[in-house]
Amino acid sequence: MSRAILRLIVAAGVLVALTSEDAGAQAWVKKRGEYFFKFTGQYLYTTEEFDSNGDLQELNSEDEMTSESSFREVAFNAYIEYGLTDQFTLVANVPFKVLTTEEVEQIASGSRSIKTTRTNGGLGDLTLYLRMPIVQRSFAISLQPGLKIPLFDEPNPDNNGPALGSGEIDAEIHL
């Protein structure tokens, strides 16, 4: 194997390793009026988290007044791709989430404890992209700029439950 090919393979591997999202076969642009719709669900439960050093620890272990902490997410996503023209595809994802935290809180100077459950549900952040083709042959490369927009979300809900999104508009670009 030549050194140039080896360098190309190593560079591609490093780029893949540094990406924050999975690569997907979603680069093809839909023809005008064509669409693709997908409805998915997911469930997540954990009692652990990573600390600032990247070490696995019990959830909320830095808070001495809480124990037996857990986090649960039940989410449903509506995903659609719609061909606005033969050159532009609108991509949208709308999540509906129910987030729950549970923990045992020490009260009265630690002499008593109470189990607390906080739940927040509703629409999460809407993601909107505009997919534009760069190459559309037997393989595809597209540019996909987009926005992540909060929908009806309070960053600090009244019940101190988990937030459904960031509460801020974020710009993204995918290749």
N, C-alpha and C. Protein backbone atom coordinates (compact mmCIF):
# COMPACT_ATOMS: atom_id res chain seq x y z
N MET A 1 0.85 -1.17 0.00
CA MET A 1 0.00 0.00 0.00
C MET A 1 0.90 1.23 0.00
N SER A 2 0.58 2.18 -0.86
CA SER A 2 1.43 3.37 -0.95
C SER A 2 1.22 4.26 0.28
N ARG A 3 2.22 5.10 0.51
CA ARG A 3 2.17 6.00 1.67
C ARG A 3 1.02 7.01 1.54
N ALA A 4 0.72 7.46 0.33
CA ALA A 4 -0.36 8.44 0.13
C ALA A 4 -1.71 7.83 0.51
N ILE A 5 -1.95 6.58 0.12
CA ILE A 5 -3.21 5.93 0.46
C ILE A 5 -3.29 5.70 1.97
N LEU A 6 -2.19 5.28 2.56
CA LEU A 6 -2.16 5.07 4.00
C LEU A 6 -2.44 6.38 4.75
N ARG A 7 -1.85 7.47 4.31
CA ARG A 7 -2.10 8.77 4.93
C ARG A 7 -3.58 9.17 4.79
N LEU A 8 -4.15 8.91 3.63
CA LEU A 8 -5.56 9.22 3.40
C LEU A 8 -6.47 8.42 4.33
N ILE A 9 -6.17 7.14 4.50
CA ILE A 9 -6.95 6.28 5.39
C ILE A 9 -6.83 6.77 6.84
N VAL A 10 -5.63 7.11 7.26
CA VAL A 10 -5.41 7.60 8.63
C VAL A 10 -6.15 8.93 8.83
N ALA A 11 -6.06 9.85 7.87
CA ALA A 11 -6.74 11.14 7.98
C ALA A 11 -8.25 10.96 8.03
N ALA A 12 -8.79 10.07 7.19
CA ALA A 12 -10.23 9.81 7.21
C ALA A 12 -10.65 9.20 8.55
N GLY A 13 -9.85 8.29 9.08
CA GLY A 13 -10.16 7.69 10.38
C GLY A 13 -10.16 8.71 11.50
N VAL A 14 -9.21 9.64 11.48
CA VAL A 14 -9.15 10.69 12.49
C VAL A 14 -10.38 11.59 12.38
N LEU A 15 -10.76 11.96 11.16
CA LEU A 15 -11.95 12.80 10.97
C LEU A 15 -13.20 12.12 11.48
N VAL A 16 -13.36 10.83 11.20
CA VAL A 16 -14.53 10.09 11.67
C VAL A 16 -14.52 10.02 13.19
N ALA A 17 -13.37 9.79 13.78
CA ALA A 17 -13.27 9.68 15.24
C ALA A 17 -13.59 11.01 15.94
N LEU A 18 -13.33 12.12 15.27
CA LEU A 18 -13.56 13.43 15.88
C LEU A 18 -14.97 13.97 15.68
N THR A 19 -15.79 13.32 14.88
CA THR A 19 -17.15 13.81 14.66
C THR A 19 -17.99 13.55 15.89
N SER A 20 -18.95 14.45 16.14
CA SER A 20 -19.78 14.32 17.33
C SER A 20 -21.06 13.54 17.08
N GLU A 21 -21.39 13.28 15.84
CA GLU A 21 -22.61 12.54 15.51
C GLU A 21 -22.26 11.39 14.58
N ASP A 22 -23.17 10.43 14.52
CA ASP A 22 -22.98 9.31 13.62
C ASP A 22 -23.07 9.78 12.17
N ALA A 23 -22.24 9.19 11.33
CA ALA A 23 -22.37 9.44 9.90
C ALA A 23 -23.58 8.67 9.40
N GLY A 24 -24.32 9.25 8.49
CA GLY A 24 -25.53 8.58 8.00
C GLY A 24 -25.62 8.67 6.50
N ALA A 25 -26.42 7.80 5.94
CA ALA A 25 -26.62 7.80 4.48
C ALA A 25 -27.79 8.70 4.14
N GLN A 26 -27.74 9.94 4.58
CA GLN A 26 -28.83 10.86 4.37
C GLN A 26 -28.39 12.03 3.51
N ALA A 27 -27.50 11.82 2.59
CA ALA A 27 -26.97 12.92 1.81
C ALA A 27 -27.73 13.17 0.52
N TRP A 28 -28.58 12.22 0.11
CA TRP A 28 -29.30 12.40 -1.15
C TRP A 28 -30.42 13.43 -0.98
N VAL A 29 -30.60 14.24 -2.00
CA VAL A 29 -31.63 15.27 -2.01
C VAL A 29 -32.89 14.67 -2.63
N LYS A 30 -34.05 14.95 -2.02
CA LYS A 30 -35.34 14.48 -2.55
C LYS A 30 -35.74 15.32 -3.76
N LYS A 31 -36.45 14.69 -4.70
CA LYS A 31 -37.01 15.44 -5.82
C LYS A 31 -38.17 16.28 -5.32
N ARG A 32 -38.53 17.30 -6.06
CA ARG A 32 -39.62 18.21 -5.66
C ARG A 32 -40.89 17.41 -5.35
N GLY A 33 -41.44 17.66 -4.17
CA GLY A 33 -42.68 17.02 -3.76
C GLY A 33 -42.52 15.65 -3.12
N GLU A 34 -41.34 15.01 -3.23
CA GLU A 34 -41.12 13.72 -2.58
C GLU A 34 -40.84 13.95 -1.09
N TYR A 35 -41.15 12.93 -0.30
CA TYR A 35 -40.90 13.07 1.12
C TYR A 35 -40.54 11.70 1.72
N PHE A 36 -39.96 11.78 2.90
CA PHE A 36 -39.66 10.61 3.71
C PHE A 36 -40.06 10.97 5.13
N PHE A 37 -40.85 10.11 5.79
CA PHE A 37 -41.30 10.36 7.15
C PHE A 37 -40.94 9.17 8.02
N LYS A 38 -40.45 9.46 9.21
CA LYS A 38 -40.09 8.40 10.15
C LYS A 38 -40.52 8.84 11.55
N PHE A 39 -41.16 7.93 12.27
CA PHE A 39 -41.57 8.19 13.65
C PHE A 39 -40.85 7.16 14.52
N THR A 40 -40.09 7.63 15.50
CA THR A 40 -39.31 6.72 16.34
C THR A 40 -39.55 7.01 17.81
N GLY A 41 -39.21 6.06 18.63
CA GLY A 41 -39.28 6.22 20.07
C GLY A 41 -37.98 5.77 20.70
N GLN A 42 -37.70 6.30 21.87
CA GLN A 42 -36.49 5.88 22.58
C GLN A 42 -36.71 5.96 24.08
N TYR A 43 -35.93 5.17 24.78
CA TYR A 43 -36.00 5.13 26.24
C TYR A 43 -34.57 5.14 26.77
N LEU A 44 -34.33 5.97 27.78
CA LEU A 44 -33.01 6.07 28.40
C LEU A 44 -33.20 6.09 29.90
N TYR A 45 -32.39 5.32 30.61
CA TYR A 45 -32.40 5.32 32.07
C TYR A 45 -30.96 5.22 32.55
N THR A 46 -30.60 6.05 33.51
CA THR A 46 -29.24 5.98 34.04
C THR A 46 -29.20 6.41 35.50
N THR A 47 -28.21 5.89 36.19
CA THR A 47 -27.91 6.31 37.55
C THR A 47 -26.47 6.81 37.63
N GLU A 48 -25.82 6.96 36.47
CA GLU A 48 -24.43 7.38 36.41
C GLU A 48 -24.26 8.54 35.44
N GLU A 49 -23.16 9.28 35.62
CA GLU A 49 -22.81 10.38 34.75
C GLU A 49 -21.28 10.51 34.72
N PHE A 50 -20.77 11.29 33.79
CA PHE A 50 -19.35 11.55 33.71
C PHE A 50 -19.05 12.87 34.42
N ASP A 51 -17.96 12.89 35.18
CA ASP A 51 -17.56 14.14 35.83
C ASP A 51 -16.71 14.96 34.85
N SER A 52 -16.21 16.11 35.31
CA SER A 52 -15.45 17.01 34.43
C SER A 52 -14.14 16.40 33.95
N ASN A 53 -13.66 15.34 34.59
CA ASN A 53 -12.44 14.65 34.16
C ASN A 53 -12.72 13.48 33.22
N GLY A 54 -14.02 13.23 32.97
CA GLY A 54 -14.39 12.11 32.10
C GLY A 54 -14.50 10.79 32.82
N ASP A 55 -14.49 10.82 34.14
CA ASP A 55 -14.61 9.59 34.94
C ASP A 55 -16.08 9.33 35.25
N LEU A 56 -16.48 8.07 35.21
CA LEU A 56 -17.84 7.67 35.51
C LEU A 56 -18.08 7.73 37.01
N GLN A 57 -19.20 8.34 37.41
CA GLN A 57 -19.54 8.47 38.82
C GLN A 57 -21.05 8.34 38.97
N GLU A 58 -21.50 8.17 40.21
CA GLU A 58 -22.93 8.13 40.47
C GLU A 58 -23.53 9.50 40.17
N LEU A 59 -24.75 9.52 39.68
CA LEU A 59 -25.44 10.75 39.35
C LEU A 59 -25.56 11.63 40.59
N ASN A 60 -25.19 12.88 40.48
CA ASN A 60 -25.24 13.87 41.57
C ASN A 60 -24.39 13.49 42.77
N SER A 61 -23.33 12.76 42.56
CA SER A 61 -22.49 12.34 43.69
C SER A 61 -21.79 13.52 44.37
N GLU A 62 -21.67 14.66 43.68
CA GLU A 62 -21.03 15.83 44.28
C GLU A 62 -21.95 16.51 45.31
N ASP A 63 -23.24 16.18 45.30
CA ASP A 63 -24.19 16.77 46.25
C ASP A 63 -24.35 15.82 47.44
N GLU A 64 -23.80 16.21 48.57
CA GLU A 64 -23.82 15.35 49.76
C GLU A 64 -25.21 15.17 50.35
N MET A 65 -26.16 16.01 49.97
CA MET A 65 -27.51 15.94 50.53
C MET A 65 -28.44 15.06 49.71
N THR A 66 -27.96 14.48 48.61
CA THR A 66 -28.80 13.61 47.79
C THR A 66 -28.13 12.26 47.58
N SER A 67 -28.94 11.24 47.37
CA SER A 67 -28.43 9.91 47.06
C SER A 67 -29.46 9.19 46.20
N GLU A 68 -29.11 8.04 45.70
CA GLU A 68 -29.99 7.22 44.89
C GLU A 68 -30.63 8.01 43.74
N SER A 69 -29.83 8.83 43.07
CA SER A 69 -30.33 9.67 41.98
C SER A 69 -30.45 8.86 40.69
N SER A 70 -31.48 9.19 39.89
CA SER A 70 -31.65 8.56 38.59
C SER A 70 -32.26 9.56 37.61
N PHE A 71 -32.07 9.29 36.34
CA PHE A 71 -32.62 10.11 35.25
C PHE A 71 -33.25 9.18 34.24
N ARG A 72 -34.46 9.54 33.77
CA ARG A 72 -35.17 8.73 32.77
C ARG A 72 -35.71 9.65 31.69
N GLU A 73 -35.56 9.22 30.43
CA GLU A 73 -36.11 9.95 29.28
C GLU A 73 -36.91 8.99 28.42
N VAL A 74 -38.14 9.37 28.13
CA VAL A 74 -38.97 8.68 27.16
C VAL A 74 -39.23 9.71 26.07
N ALA A 75 -38.86 9.40 24.83
CA ALA A 75 -38.97 10.39 23.76
C ALA A 75 -39.55 9.75 22.50
N PHE A 76 -40.28 10.56 21.77
CA PHE A 76 -40.81 10.19 20.47
C PHE A 76 -40.41 11.29 19.49
N ASN A 77 -39.92 10.89 18.32
CA ASN A 77 -39.43 11.85 17.34
C ASN A 77 -40.18 11.70 16.02
N ALA A 78 -40.62 12.83 15.48
CA ALA A 78 -41.20 12.88 14.14
C ALA A 78 -40.14 13.52 13.24
N TYR A 79 -39.68 12.76 12.25
CA TYR A 79 -38.60 13.19 11.34
C TYR A 79 -39.16 13.20 9.93
N ILE A 80 -38.93 14.29 9.20
CA ILE A 80 -39.40 14.37 7.82
C ILE A 80 -38.35 15.03 6.93
N GLU A 81 -38.25 14.51 5.72
CA GLU A 81 -37.47 15.13 4.65
C GLU A 81 -38.45 15.44 3.54
N TYR A 82 -38.44 16.67 3.02
CA TYR A 82 -39.38 17.06 1.98
C TYR A 82 -38.64 17.81 0.89
N GLY A 83 -38.81 17.38 -0.37
CA GLY A 83 -38.16 18.03 -1.50
C GLY A 83 -38.84 19.34 -1.86
N LEU A 84 -38.23 20.45 -1.49
CA LEU A 84 -38.79 21.76 -1.85
C LEU A 84 -38.65 21.99 -3.35
N THR A 85 -37.46 21.68 -3.87
CA THR A 85 -37.17 21.69 -5.31
C THR A 85 -36.30 20.46 -5.56
N ASP A 86 -35.87 20.27 -6.80
CA ASP A 86 -34.97 19.15 -7.09
C ASP A 86 -33.58 19.39 -6.50
N GLN A 87 -33.29 20.61 -6.04
CA GLN A 87 -31.97 20.94 -5.50
C GLN A 87 -31.97 21.20 -4.00
N PHE A 88 -33.14 21.32 -3.37
CA PHE A 88 -33.20 21.65 -1.95
C PHE A 88 -34.20 20.76 -1.24
N THR A 89 -33.75 20.15 -0.15
CA THR A 89 -34.61 19.32 0.69
C THR A 89 -34.68 19.93 2.08
N LEU A 90 -35.90 20.11 2.57
CA LEU A 90 -36.11 20.58 3.93
C LEU A 90 -36.14 19.36 4.85
N VAL A 91 -35.37 19.41 5.93
CA VAL A 91 -35.30 18.32 6.89
C VAL A 91 -35.73 18.89 8.25
N ALA A 92 -36.66 18.19 8.91
CA ALA A 92 -37.13 18.65 10.21
C ALA A 92 -37.24 17.47 11.17
N ASN A 93 -36.93 17.71 12.43
CA ASN A 93 -37.09 16.72 13.48
C ASN A 93 -37.73 17.41 14.68
N VAL A 94 -38.88 16.85 15.14
CA VAL A 94 -39.59 17.40 16.28
C VAL A 94 -39.69 16.31 17.35
N PRO A 95 -39.01 16.49 18.49
CA PRO A 95 -39.11 15.49 19.56
C PRO A 95 -40.17 15.87 20.60
N PHE A 96 -40.84 14.87 21.11
CA PHE A 96 -41.71 15.02 22.29
C PHE A 96 -41.05 14.20 23.39
N LYS A 97 -40.79 14.81 24.54
CA LYS A 97 -40.04 14.15 25.61
C LYS A 97 -40.79 14.18 26.93
N VAL A 98 -40.57 13.16 27.72
CA VAL A 98 -40.97 13.14 29.12
C VAL A 98 -39.71 12.79 29.90
N LEU A 99 -39.23 13.74 30.69
CA LEU A 99 -37.98 13.59 31.44
C LEU A 99 -38.30 13.52 32.93
N THR A 100 -37.67 12.59 33.63
CA THR A 100 -37.93 12.40 35.05
C THR A 100 -36.61 12.24 35.80
N THR A 101 -36.49 12.96 36.91
CA THR A 101 -35.37 12.75 37.83
C THR A 101 -35.94 12.28 39.16
N GLU A 102 -35.23 11.37 39.79
CA GLU A 102 -35.60 10.90 41.12
C GLU A 102 -34.35 10.94 41.99
N GLU A 103 -34.55 11.30 43.26
CA GLU A 103 -33.43 11.30 44.19
C GLU A 103 -33.97 11.26 45.62
N VAL A 104 -33.13 10.81 46.51
CA VAL A 104 -33.46 10.82 47.93
C VAL A 104 -32.71 12.01 48.53
N GLU A 105 -33.46 12.95 49.10
CA GLU A 105 -32.87 14.15 49.68
C GLU A 105 -32.84 14.03 51.20
N GLN A 106 -31.70 14.41 51.78
CA GLN A 106 -31.57 14.43 53.24
C GLN A 106 -32.10 15.77 53.73
N ILE A 107 -33.00 15.74 54.70
CA ILE A 107 -33.54 16.97 55.28
C ILE A 107 -33.38 16.94 56.79
N ALA A 108 -33.67 18.06 57.43
CA ALA A 108 -33.55 18.19 58.89
C ALA A 108 -32.17 17.75 59.36
N SER A 109 -31.15 18.36 58.74
CA SER A 109 -29.74 18.09 59.09
C SER A 109 -29.39 16.62 58.93
N GLY A 110 -30.01 15.96 57.98
CA GLY A 110 -29.68 14.57 57.68
C GLY A 110 -30.40 13.55 58.52
N SER A 111 -31.27 13.99 59.43
CA SER A 111 -31.96 13.03 60.29
C SER A 111 -33.16 12.38 59.59
N ARG A 112 -33.66 13.00 58.52
CA ARG A 112 -34.77 12.44 57.75
C ARG A 112 -34.44 12.52 56.27
N SER A 113 -35.11 11.69 55.50
CA SER A 113 -34.92 11.75 54.05
C SER A 113 -36.29 11.69 53.38
N ILE A 114 -36.32 12.22 52.18
CA ILE A 114 -37.55 12.23 51.40
C ILE A 114 -37.19 11.93 49.94
N LYS A 115 -38.00 11.07 49.32
CA LYS A 115 -37.76 10.74 47.91
C LYS A 115 -38.49 11.79 47.06
N THR A 116 -37.76 12.41 46.15
CA THR A 116 -38.31 13.46 45.32
C THR A 116 -38.29 13.02 43.85
N THR A 117 -39.42 13.21 43.19
CA THR A 117 -39.53 12.93 41.76
C THR A 117 -39.94 14.21 41.06
N ARG A 118 -39.20 14.57 40.02
CA ARG A 118 -39.53 15.77 39.23
C ARG A 118 -39.66 15.33 37.77
N THR A 119 -40.75 15.74 37.13
CA THR A 119 -41.02 15.36 35.75
C THR A 119 -41.32 16.60 34.93
N ASN A 120 -40.84 16.60 33.70
CA ASN A 120 -41.14 17.68 32.75
C ASN A 120 -41.40 17.02 31.41
N GLY A 121 -42.47 17.42 30.74
CA GLY A 121 -42.80 16.83 29.45
C GLY A 121 -43.23 17.88 28.46
N GLY A 122 -42.99 17.60 27.18
CA GLY A 122 -43.40 18.52 26.13
C GLY A 122 -42.49 18.41 24.92
N LEU A 123 -42.64 19.39 24.04
CA LEU A 123 -41.82 19.41 22.82
C LEU A 123 -40.41 19.87 23.15
N GLY A 124 -39.43 19.15 22.62
CA GLY A 124 -38.04 19.52 22.77
C GLY A 124 -37.64 20.50 21.67
N ASP A 125 -36.35 20.61 21.41
CA ASP A 125 -35.85 21.54 20.39
C ASP A 125 -36.16 21.03 18.99
N LEU A 126 -36.76 21.88 18.17
CA LEU A 126 -37.01 21.59 16.75
C LEU A 126 -35.70 21.77 15.99
N THR A 127 -35.33 20.80 15.16
CA THR A 127 -34.17 20.99 14.29
C THR A 127 -34.67 21.10 12.85
N LEU A 128 -34.20 22.12 12.16
CA LEU A 128 -34.54 22.38 10.76
C LEU A 128 -33.25 22.50 9.96
N TYR A 129 -33.19 21.80 8.84
CA TYR A 129 -32.02 21.85 7.96
C TYR A 129 -32.48 22.08 6.53
N LEU A 130 -31.60 22.64 5.73
CA LEU A 130 -31.81 22.75 4.30
C LEU A 130 -30.66 22.01 3.63
N ARG A 131 -30.98 20.86 3.04
CA ARG A 131 -29.96 20.02 2.40
C ARG A 131 -29.76 20.45 0.96
N MET A 132 -28.49 20.68 0.58
CA MET A 132 -28.12 21.09 -0.78
C MET A 132 -27.06 20.13 -1.31
N PRO A 133 -27.25 19.63 -2.54
CA PRO A 133 -26.30 18.64 -3.06
C PRO A 133 -24.97 19.26 -3.49
N ILE A 134 -23.92 18.51 -3.26
CA ILE A 134 -22.60 18.84 -3.81
C ILE A 134 -22.27 17.81 -4.88
N VAL A 135 -22.43 16.52 -4.54
CA VAL A 135 -22.24 15.40 -5.49
C VAL A 135 -23.44 14.47 -5.33
N GLN A 136 -24.08 14.08 -6.42
CA GLN A 136 -25.22 13.15 -6.39
C GLN A 136 -25.03 12.13 -7.51
N ARG A 137 -24.17 11.18 -7.31
CA ARG A 137 -23.93 10.13 -8.29
C ARG A 137 -24.22 8.79 -7.62
N SER A 138 -23.31 7.81 -7.75
CA SER A 138 -23.49 6.55 -7.05
C SER A 138 -23.22 6.72 -5.55
N PHE A 139 -22.62 7.85 -5.19
CA PHE A 139 -22.47 8.26 -3.80
C PHE A 139 -22.92 9.72 -3.73
N ALA A 140 -23.18 10.19 -2.56
CA ALA A 140 -23.70 11.55 -2.42
C ALA A 140 -22.93 12.32 -1.35
N ILE A 141 -22.73 13.59 -1.62
CA ILE A 141 -22.18 14.52 -0.65
C ILE A 141 -23.08 15.75 -0.68
N SER A 142 -23.53 16.16 0.49
CA SER A 142 -24.41 17.33 0.57
C SER A 142 -23.96 18.24 1.69
N LEU A 143 -24.34 19.49 1.57
CA LEU A 143 -24.13 20.48 2.62
C LEU A 143 -25.48 20.70 3.27
N GLN A 144 -25.50 20.74 4.60
CA GLN A 144 -26.77 20.81 5.32
C GLN A 144 -26.68 21.81 6.48
N PRO A 145 -26.87 23.12 6.22
CA PRO A 145 -26.91 24.07 7.32
C PRO A 145 -28.27 24.00 8.01
N GLY A 146 -28.29 24.32 9.30
CA GLY A 146 -29.56 24.24 10.01
C GLY A 146 -29.57 24.99 11.32
N LEU A 147 -30.75 24.97 11.92
CA LEU A 147 -30.97 25.62 13.21
C LEU A 147 -31.65 24.65 14.17
N LYS A 148 -31.31 24.77 15.43
CA LYS A 148 -32.00 24.06 16.49
C LYS A 148 -32.75 25.14 17.28
N ILE A 149 -34.08 25.02 17.31
CA ILE A 149 -34.94 26.07 17.85
C ILE A 149 -35.75 25.53 19.03
N PRO A 150 -35.69 26.18 20.20
CA PRO A 150 -36.49 25.72 21.34
C PRO A 150 -37.98 25.92 21.07
N LEU A 151 -38.79 24.94 21.44
CA LEU A 151 -40.24 25.03 21.30
C LEU A 151 -40.88 24.97 22.68
N PHE A 152 -41.50 26.03 23.11
CA PHE A 152 -42.28 26.05 24.35
C PHE A 152 -41.50 25.51 25.54
N ASP A 153 -40.20 25.69 25.56
CA ASP A 153 -39.38 25.12 26.63
C ASP A 153 -38.93 26.20 27.58
N GLU A 154 -38.99 25.89 28.85
CA GLU A 154 -38.43 26.76 29.87
C GLU A 154 -37.11 26.15 30.32
N PRO A 155 -35.99 26.89 30.22
CA PRO A 155 -34.71 26.33 30.68
C PRO A 155 -34.73 25.95 32.16
N ASN A 156 -35.55 26.64 32.97
CA ASN A 156 -35.68 26.34 34.40
C ASN A 156 -37.17 26.17 34.73
N PRO A 157 -37.73 24.97 34.51
CA PRO A 157 -39.15 24.77 34.76
C PRO A 157 -39.54 25.08 36.21
N ASP A 158 -40.79 25.45 36.41
CA ASP A 158 -41.30 25.81 37.73
C ASP A 158 -41.10 24.69 38.75
N ASN A 159 -41.23 23.44 38.31
CA ASN A 159 -41.13 22.32 39.25
C ASN A 159 -39.68 21.85 39.44
N ASN A 160 -38.71 22.62 38.94
CA ASN A 160 -37.28 22.26 39.00
C ASN A 160 -36.99 20.94 38.29
N GLY A 161 -37.89 20.53 37.40
CA GLY A 161 -37.65 19.31 36.63
C GLY A 161 -36.62 19.56 35.55
N PRO A 162 -36.19 18.50 34.87
CA PRO A 162 -35.18 18.64 33.84
C PRO A 162 -35.70 19.45 32.65
N ALA A 163 -34.83 20.24 32.06
CA ALA A 163 -35.19 21.06 30.90
C ALA A 163 -35.33 20.17 29.66
N LEU A 164 -36.26 20.52 28.78
CA LEU A 164 -36.51 19.74 27.56
C LEU A 164 -35.54 20.08 26.44
N GLY A 165 -34.82 21.16 26.56
CA GLY A 165 -33.84 21.57 25.55
C GLY A 165 -32.91 22.61 26.13
N SER A 166 -32.13 23.23 25.26
CA SER A 166 -31.13 24.19 25.71
C SER A 166 -31.74 25.56 26.02
N GLY A 167 -32.91 25.85 25.44
CA GLY A 167 -33.50 27.17 25.63
C GLY A 167 -32.88 28.23 24.75
N GLU A 168 -31.96 27.84 23.88
CA GLU A 168 -31.28 28.79 22.99
C GLU A 168 -31.32 28.30 21.55
N ILE A 169 -31.26 29.23 20.61
CA ILE A 169 -31.19 28.88 19.20
C ILE A 169 -29.73 28.55 18.88
N ASP A 170 -29.51 27.39 18.27
CA ASP A 170 -28.16 26.97 17.91
C ASP A 170 -28.09 26.77 16.40
N ALA A 171 -27.00 27.19 15.79
CA ALA A 171 -26.76 26.98 14.36
C ALA A 171 -25.83 25.79 14.20
N GLU A 172 -26.09 24.98 13.17
CA GLU A 172 -25.28 23.80 12.88
C GLU A 172 -25.03 23.74 11.38
N ILE A 173 -23.99 23.03 11.01
CA ILE A 173 -23.75 22.75 9.59
C ILE A 173 -23.18 21.35 9.48
N HIS A 174 -23.71 20.58 8.57
CA HIS A 174 -23.27 19.19 8.36
C HIS A 174 -22.81 19.05 6.91
N LEU A 175 -21.81 18.23 6.70
CA LEU A 175 -21.33 17.90 5.37
C LEU A 175 -21.50 16.42 5.18
